């Protein structure tokens, strides 16, 4: 039987904050509150989108921001 950890695609949280997206269909769009999650493969991304589910780990920049916040707060 597949464990829950294996069933959920894993991504890496690369960045959080305001994001500008350029697409051929809609042109530039700004998202004030956004997360950028990167996957190791296109298959993992498709699985996350299809299942409407994913888990992530903090990327290096997010870890740095968390450490800065802890040091100042």
Protein backbone atom coordinates (compact mmCIF):
# COMPACT_ATOMS: atom_id res chain seq x y z
CA UNK A 1 0.00 0.00 0.00
CA UNK A 2 1.29 3.46 -0.90
CA UNK A 3 2.08 5.77 2.01
CA UNK A 4 0.60 9.26 2.18
CA UNK A 5 4.08 10.80 1.68
CA UNK A 6 4.53 8.92 -1.62
CA UNK A 7 1.03 9.72 -2.86
CA UNK A 8 1.51 13.48 -2.52
CA UNK A 9 3.83 15.15 -5.06
CA UNK A 10 6.65 17.06 -3.40
CA UNK A 11 7.68 20.53 -4.45
CA UNK A 12 10.13 23.14 -3.17
CA UNK A 13 8.83 26.49 -1.99
CA UNK A 14 11.17 28.87 -3.82
CA UNK A 15 9.69 32.27 -3.04
CA UNK A 16 6.66 33.97 -1.57
CA UNK A 17 5.33 37.48 -2.09
CA UNK A 18 4.24 39.54 -5.07
CA UNK A 19 4.59 37.83 -8.42
CA UNK A 20 4.30 39.02 -12.02
CA UNK A 21 3.31 36.40 -14.59
CA UNK A 22 3.59 36.79 -18.36
CA UNK A 23 1.51 34.52 -20.54
CA UNK A 24 0.71 34.47 -24.23
CA UNK A 25 -3.00 34.15 -23.47
CA UNK A 26 -3.49 37.00 -20.98
CA UNK A 27 -0.32 39.12 -21.02
CA UNK A 28 1.16 40.41 -17.75
CA UNK A 29 -0.74 39.68 -14.53
CA UNK A 30 0.37 40.66 -11.04
CA UNK A 31 -0.47 38.55 -8.01
CA UNK A 32 0.07 40.34 -4.73
CA UNK A 33 0.05 37.20 -2.58
CA UNK A 34 1.70 34.25 -4.28
CA UNK A 35 3.85 31.19 -3.66
CA UNK A 36 6.28 29.84 -6.22
CA UNK A 37 6.59 26.07 -5.89
CA UNK A 38 9.03 24.20 -8.15
CA UNK A 39 8.78 20.49 -8.92
CA UNK A 40 11.56 18.08 -9.87
CA UNK A 41 9.71 16.90 -12.95
CA UNK A 42 6.82 17.76 -15.23
CA UNK A 43 5.16 14.52 -14.14
CA UNK A 44 5.24 15.59 -10.47
CA UNK A 45 3.72 18.96 -11.43
CA UNK A 46 0.97 17.30 -13.48
CA UNK A 47 0.21 14.91 -10.62
CA UNK A 48 -0.09 17.82 -8.16
CA UNK A 49 -2.41 19.76 -10.47
CA UNK A 50 -4.51 16.71 -11.36
CA UNK A 51 -4.95 15.67 -7.73
CA UNK A 52 -5.34 19.26 -6.46
CA UNK A 53 -2.78 18.41 -3.81
CA UNK A 54 0.89 18.77 -3.04
CA UNK A 55 3.31 19.06 -0.15
CA UNK A 56 6.38 21.27 -0.16
CA UNK A 57 9.60 21.96 1.66
CA UNK A 58 11.08 25.40 2.09
CA UNK A 59 13.68 26.39 -0.49
CA UNK A 60 16.96 28.04 0.50
CA UNK A 61 15.72 31.64 0.11
CA UNK A 62 12.63 30.94 2.21
CA UNK A 63 14.81 29.36 4.90
CA UNK A 64 17.01 32.47 4.87
CA UNK A 65 13.97 34.75 5.20
CA UNK A 66 12.66 32.67 8.11
CA UNK A 67 16.04 32.84 9.84
CA UNK A 68 16.20 36.65 9.33
CA UNK A 69 12.68 37.00 10.74
CA UNK A 70 13.55 34.91 13.79
CA UNK A 71 16.71 36.95 14.40
CA UNK A 72 14.77 40.22 14.27
CA UNK A 73 11.62 39.23 16.02
